[in-house]
């Protein structure tokens, strides 16, 4: 479908621009939502921190465009779900929260 924008008036172009931007935001929101659904609250996840290497923590909340992750040392990160991956259990013992006492 081709639209001849040369024939549109200024007000029509402004309306078209608003509608295009609105549609792009909707598509971005749906993509982020779909990526969030790959994870659930409580999952152990990892992502590449800015200048810190791999950061690992627990997903604790869904936000509008990001997910909130709390690291083992208590730092909070809001990260785009497209940058997050689930921690694999291969070779790792599940970590209990620091306030839980393990009985042997």
Protein backbone atom coordinates (compact mmCIF):
# COMPACT_ATOMS: atom_id res chain seq x y z
CA UNK A 1 0.00 0.00 0.00
CA UNK A 2 1.63 3.22 -1.15
CA UNK A 3 0.69 6.61 0.26
CA UNK A 4 1.53 9.68 -1.78
CA UNK A 5 2.67 12.03 0.98
CA UNK A 6 3.38 14.80 -1.54
CA UNK A 7 -0.38 15.31 -1.93
CA UNK A 8 -1.05 15.62 1.82
CA UNK A 9 -1.55 18.94 3.57
CA UNK A 10 0.48 19.94 6.59
CA UNK A 11 -2.31 19.02 9.02
CA UNK A 12 -2.75 15.63 7.30
CA UNK A 13 1.00 15.00 7.54
CA UNK A 14 0.96 15.88 11.25
CA UNK A 15 -1.97 13.51 11.80
CA UNK A 16 -0.22 10.76 9.82
CA UNK A 17 2.97 11.28 11.84
CA UNK A 18 1.04 11.03 15.13
CA UNK A 19 -0.63 7.82 14.00
CA UNK A 20 2.67 6.28 12.81
CA UNK A 21 4.43 7.12 16.09
CA UNK A 22 1.47 5.74 18.07
CA UNK A 23 1.55 2.49 16.09
CA UNK A 24 5.32 2.10 16.51
CA UNK A 25 5.01 2.60 20.29
CA UNK A 26 2.25 -0.01 20.41
CA UNK A 27 4.37 -2.53 18.49
CA UNK A 28 7.35 -1.86 20.79
CA UNK A 29 5.14 -2.29 23.86
CA UNK A 30 3.78 -5.61 22.55
CA UNK A 31 7.30 -6.87 21.76
CA UNK A 32 8.51 -6.00 25.28
CA UNK A 33 5.42 -7.63 26.81
CA UNK A 34 5.99 -10.83 24.80
CA UNK A 35 9.64 -10.92 25.95
CA UNK A 36 8.57 -10.42 29.58
CA UNK A 37 6.26 -13.41 29.38
CA UNK A 38 9.30 -15.64 28.76
CA UNK A 39 10.21 -15.08 32.43
CA UNK A 40 8.31 -15.27 35.68
CA UNK A 41 8.83 -13.54 38.99
CA UNK A 42 11.38 -15.53 41.00
CA UNK A 43 13.45 -16.70 38.00
CA UNK A 44 17.23 -16.52 38.28
CA UNK A 45 18.38 -14.36 35.36
CA UNK A 46 21.54 -12.81 34.00
CA UNK A 47 22.37 -9.82 31.82
CA UNK A 48 25.40 -7.82 30.71
CA UNK A 49 25.87 -4.94 33.16
CA UNK A 50 27.32 -1.65 31.96
CA UNK A 51 31.06 -2.01 32.55
CA UNK A 52 30.52 -4.74 35.17
CA UNK A 53 30.42 -7.91 33.10
CA UNK A 54 27.71 -10.48 33.66
CA UNK A 55 25.24 -9.59 36.41
CA UNK A 56 23.09 -12.30 37.95
CA UNK A 57 20.06 -11.94 40.15
CA UNK A 58 16.40 -12.69 40.71
CA UNK A 59 13.58 -11.19 38.68
CA UNK A 60 11.25 -9.57 41.20
CA UNK A 61 8.86 -7.37 39.21
CA UNK A 62 7.47 -6.55 35.78
CA UNK A 63 7.42 -2.85 34.92
CA UNK A 64 5.92 -1.17 31.88
CA UNK A 65 8.98 -1.54 29.64
CA UNK A 66 11.50 -3.26 31.90
CA UNK A 67 11.86 -5.96 34.52
CA UNK A 68 13.33 -5.33 37.98
CA UNK A 69 16.18 -7.60 39.03
CA UNK A 70 17.70 -7.77 42.52
CA UNK A 71 21.27 -9.09 42.67
CA UNK A 72 22.59 -11.28 45.48
CA UNK A 73 24.40 -8.28 46.98
CA UNK A 74 21.15 -6.27 47.07
CA UNK A 75 21.57 -3.99 44.05
CA UNK A 76 18.45 -3.27 42.02
CA UNK A 77 18.47 -3.07 38.24
CA UNK A 78 15.69 -2.14 35.79
CA UNK A 79 16.55 -3.93 32.56
CA UNK A 80 14.89 -4.34 29.18
CA UNK A 81 13.63 -7.94 28.92
CA UNK A 82 15.40 -8.25 25.56
CA UNK A 83 18.75 -8.10 27.41
CA UNK A 84 17.87 -10.73 30.04
CA UNK A 85 18.41 -14.47 29.84
CA UNK A 86 17.54 -17.24 32.27
CA UNK A 87 20.37 -18.72 34.33
CA UNK A 88 20.92 -22.35 33.46
CA UNK A 89 21.06 -24.88 36.28
CA UNK A 90 23.99 -26.76 34.70
CA UNK A 91 26.74 -26.95 37.28
CA UNK A 92 25.09 -24.49 39.67
CA UNK A 93 23.47 -25.17 42.99
CA UNK A 94 20.30 -23.17 43.58
CA UNK A 95 21.10 -20.41 46.04
CA UNK A 96 18.92 -19.96 49.07
CA UNK A 97 18.18 -16.42 50.18
CA UNK A 98 20.65 -15.16 52.79
CA UNK A 99 17.98 -15.01 55.51
CA UNK A 100 17.18 -18.74 55.19
CA UNK A 101 18.98 -21.25 57.40
CA UNK A 102 19.82 -24.55 55.75
CA UNK A 103 19.44 -27.65 57.86
CA UNK A 104 21.83 -30.52 57.21
